[in-house]
Protein backbone atom coordinates (compact mmCIF):
# COMPACT_ATOMS: atom_id res chain seq x y z
CA MET A 1 0.00 0.00 0.00
CA ALA A 2 1.35 3.43 -0.92
CA ARG A 3 2.03 5.86 1.87
CA ALA A 4 1.24 9.55 1.66
CA LEU A 5 4.28 11.81 1.78
CA PRO A 6 4.78 13.95 4.85
CA SER A 7 4.28 17.65 4.13
CA PRO A 8 7.88 18.82 4.87
CA SER A 9 9.29 17.01 1.81
CA ILE A 10 7.63 19.13 -0.87
CA SER A 11 9.05 18.63 -4.36
CA VAL A 12 8.07 19.83 -7.81
CA SER A 13 6.69 16.39 -8.60
CA SER A 14 4.60 16.26 -5.43
CA GLU A 15 3.17 19.71 -6.19
CA LEU A 16 2.28 18.62 -9.75
CA ILE A 17 0.61 15.47 -8.43
CA ARG A 18 -1.34 17.44 -5.83
CA ALA A 19 -2.41 19.99 -8.47
CA ALA A 20 -3.60 17.14 -10.71
CA GLY A 21 -6.02 16.13 -7.97
CA ILE A 22 -4.59 12.72 -7.10
CA LYS A 23 -3.06 11.51 -3.85
CA VAL A 24 0.62 12.29 -3.38
CA THR A 25 2.50 9.07 -2.63
CA GLN A 26 6.19 8.31 -2.42
CA GLY A 27 5.91 5.97 -5.44
CA ARG A 28 4.18 8.54 -7.65
CA VAL A 29 6.72 11.20 -6.72
CA ARG A 30 9.66 8.88 -7.45
CA VAL A 31 8.21 7.77 -10.80
CA LEU A 32 7.43 11.32 -11.89
CA ASP A 33 10.92 12.43 -10.81
CA VAL A 34 12.44 9.70 -13.01
CA LEU A 35 10.26 10.71 -15.97
CA HIS A 36 11.28 14.36 -15.58
CA ALA A 37 14.98 13.44 -15.38
CA ALA A 38 14.88 11.16 -18.44
CA SER A 39 16.27 12.46 -21.73
CA GLN A 40 14.00 10.16 -23.74
CA PRO A 41 10.78 8.18 -23.20
CA LEU A 42 11.28 5.13 -20.98
CA CYS A 43 9.74 1.67 -21.17
CA HIS A 44 8.56 -0.15 -18.06
CA ALA A 45 11.80 -2.16 -17.73
CA GLU A 46 13.92 1.00 -17.97
CA MET A 47 11.77 2.60 -15.28
CA GLU A 48 12.29 -0.44 -13.04
CA GLY A 49 16.05 -0.16 -13.56
CA ARG A 50 16.13 3.51 -12.63
CA LEU A 51 13.91 2.99 -9.59
CA GLY A 52 15.77 -0.10 -8.37
CA GLY A 53 18.78 -0.21 -6.14
CA ASP A 54 17.23 0.67 -2.80
CA GLN A 55 15.37 -2.51 -1.81
CA LEU A 56 13.54 -0.72 1.02
CA ALA A 57 11.99 1.74 -1.42
CA ALA A 58 11.58 -0.69 -4.33
CA ILE A 59 8.38 -0.48 -6.39
CA ASP A 60 7.05 -3.81 -7.60
CA ARG A 61 6.11 -4.31 -11.25
CA VAL A 62 2.32 -4.17 -10.82
CA THR A 63 2.50 -1.06 -8.64
CA LEU A 64 4.72 0.62 -11.23
CA TYR A 65 2.16 -0.12 -13.96
CA ARG A 66 -0.60 1.34 -11.77
CA ILE A 67 1.44 4.44 -10.96
CA LEU A 68 2.25 5.03 -14.64
CA ASP A 69 -1.38 4.56 -15.61
CA SER A 70 -2.52 7.01 -12.92
CA LEU A 71 0.02 9.62 -14.07
CA VAL A 72 -1.14 9.22 -17.67
CA ALA A 73 -4.81 9.39 -16.66
CA CYS A 74 -4.33 12.70 -14.83
CA GLY A 75 -2.21 14.20 -17.61
CA LEU A 76 1.17 14.23 -15.88
CA ALA A 77 2.70 11.58 -18.16
CA LEU A 78 2.41 10.58 -21.80
CA LYS A 79 2.20 7.00 -23.06
CA ALA A 80 3.19 6.04 -26.61
CA VAL A 81 3.97 2.80 -28.41
CA ASP A 82 7.40 2.38 -29.99
CA THR A 83 8.21 0.52 -33.20
CA ARG A 84 8.33 -2.83 -31.37
CA GLY A 85 4.94 -2.36 -29.71
CA VAL A 86 6.45 -1.49 -26.32
CA PHE A 87 4.82 1.27 -24.27
CA ARG A 88 7.12 4.19 -23.48
CA PHE A 89 6.43 6.92 -20.96
CA SER A 90 7.55 10.54 -20.63
CA ALA A 91 6.63 13.49 -18.45
CA SER A 92 3.82 15.49 -20.05
CA GLY A 93 5.81 18.71 -19.88
CA ALA A 94 8.24 16.97 -22.20
CA GLN A 95 5.58 17.09 -24.92
CA ARG A 96 6.13 20.83 -25.32
CA GLN A 97 9.91 20.31 -25.42
CA HIS A 98 9.53 17.61 -28.05
CA ALA A 99 7.01 19.38 -30.25
CA LYS A 100 9.55 21.40 -32.21
CA HIS A 101 11.92 18.73 -33.46
CA ILE A 102 12.03 15.30 -35.10
CA HIS A 103 12.44 12.00 -33.28
CA PHE A 104 14.47 9.04 -34.49
CA ARG A 105 13.07 5.68 -33.40
CA CYS A 106 15.44 2.71 -33.50
CA THR A 107 13.71 -0.35 -34.94
CA ASP A 108 16.23 -2.65 -33.19
CA CYS A 109 16.37 -1.47 -29.57
CA GLY A 110 13.21 0.68 -29.52
CA GLY A 111 15.13 3.76 -28.36
CA VAL A 112 13.80 7.22 -29.12
CA PHE A 113 16.33 9.98 -29.87
CA CYS A 114 15.80 13.71 -30.35
CA LEU A 115 17.23 15.11 -33.58
CA LYS A 116 18.20 18.75 -33.93
CA ALA A 117 15.94 19.29 -36.90
CA GLU A 118 12.60 21.03 -37.20
CA PRO A 119 9.69 19.00 -38.54
CA PRO A 120 8.24 20.00 -41.89
CA PRO A 121 5.22 22.32 -41.88
CA PRO A 122 1.85 20.63 -41.41
CA PRO A 123 -0.09 19.77 -44.57
CA LYS A 124 -2.84 22.01 -45.88
CA LEU A 125 -6.09 20.42 -44.78
CA PRO A 126 -9.40 20.35 -46.68
CA ARG A 127 -12.13 22.75 -45.61
CA GLY A 128 -13.79 21.73 -42.35
CA PHE A 129 -10.78 19.74 -41.08
CA ARG A 130 -8.98 20.89 -37.92
CA LEU A 131 -5.45 19.87 -37.09
CA GLY A 132 -5.09 18.46 -33.57
CA GLU A 133 -1.46 17.43 -33.45
CA VAL A 134 1.34 16.29 -35.72
CA GLU A 135 4.01 13.75 -34.85
CA PHE A 136 6.98 13.31 -37.11
CA ASP A 137 9.29 10.33 -36.58
CA VAL A 138 12.04 8.84 -38.63
CA ARG A 139 12.86 5.19 -38.15
CA GLY A 140 15.98 3.15 -38.62
CA THR A 141 18.89 1.75 -36.63
CA CYS A 142 20.61 3.88 -33.97
CA ALA A 143 24.40 4.24 -33.68
CA GLY A 144 24.57 1.72 -30.82
CA CYS A 145 22.69 -0.94 -32.77
CA SER A 146 24.61 -0.19 -35.99
CA LEU A 147 28.02 -0.93 -34.51
CA PRO A 148 29.62 -4.00 -36.07
CA ASP A 149 29.65 -7.09 -33.86
CA ARG A 150 33.05 -7.18 -32.14
CA SER A 151 32.95 -10.77 -30.90
């Protein structure tokens, strides 16, 4: 069962969670902190790796899924599927940061990398259509996956 944080340890993440109208718990704060610190969207396993280490404060797999789902439901996190069908999560504030450039998605490892390139302008839409959002990704193999096998 998640414990509520004591009021003296106020962090940016706890304030965002409180403002979103959901209960502030140690697990939610830790997960949101990890999402804010990440340079790219993280899958569940990557989240587990970043949250691990301290066995006393470990978050089990099911609880992590529930925390991520609650952060997505209240708008504090974004959930997207990568090229391999794996869910990846990022802090919702990152959406604004990532709106003005192109992403490279590795089809081998599933990594998402920010490219220093502006996306092309949106297409001209027929009368009556309204543009909601545009996502522009390029796909291929990242530098790490492209390295020749050195065995």
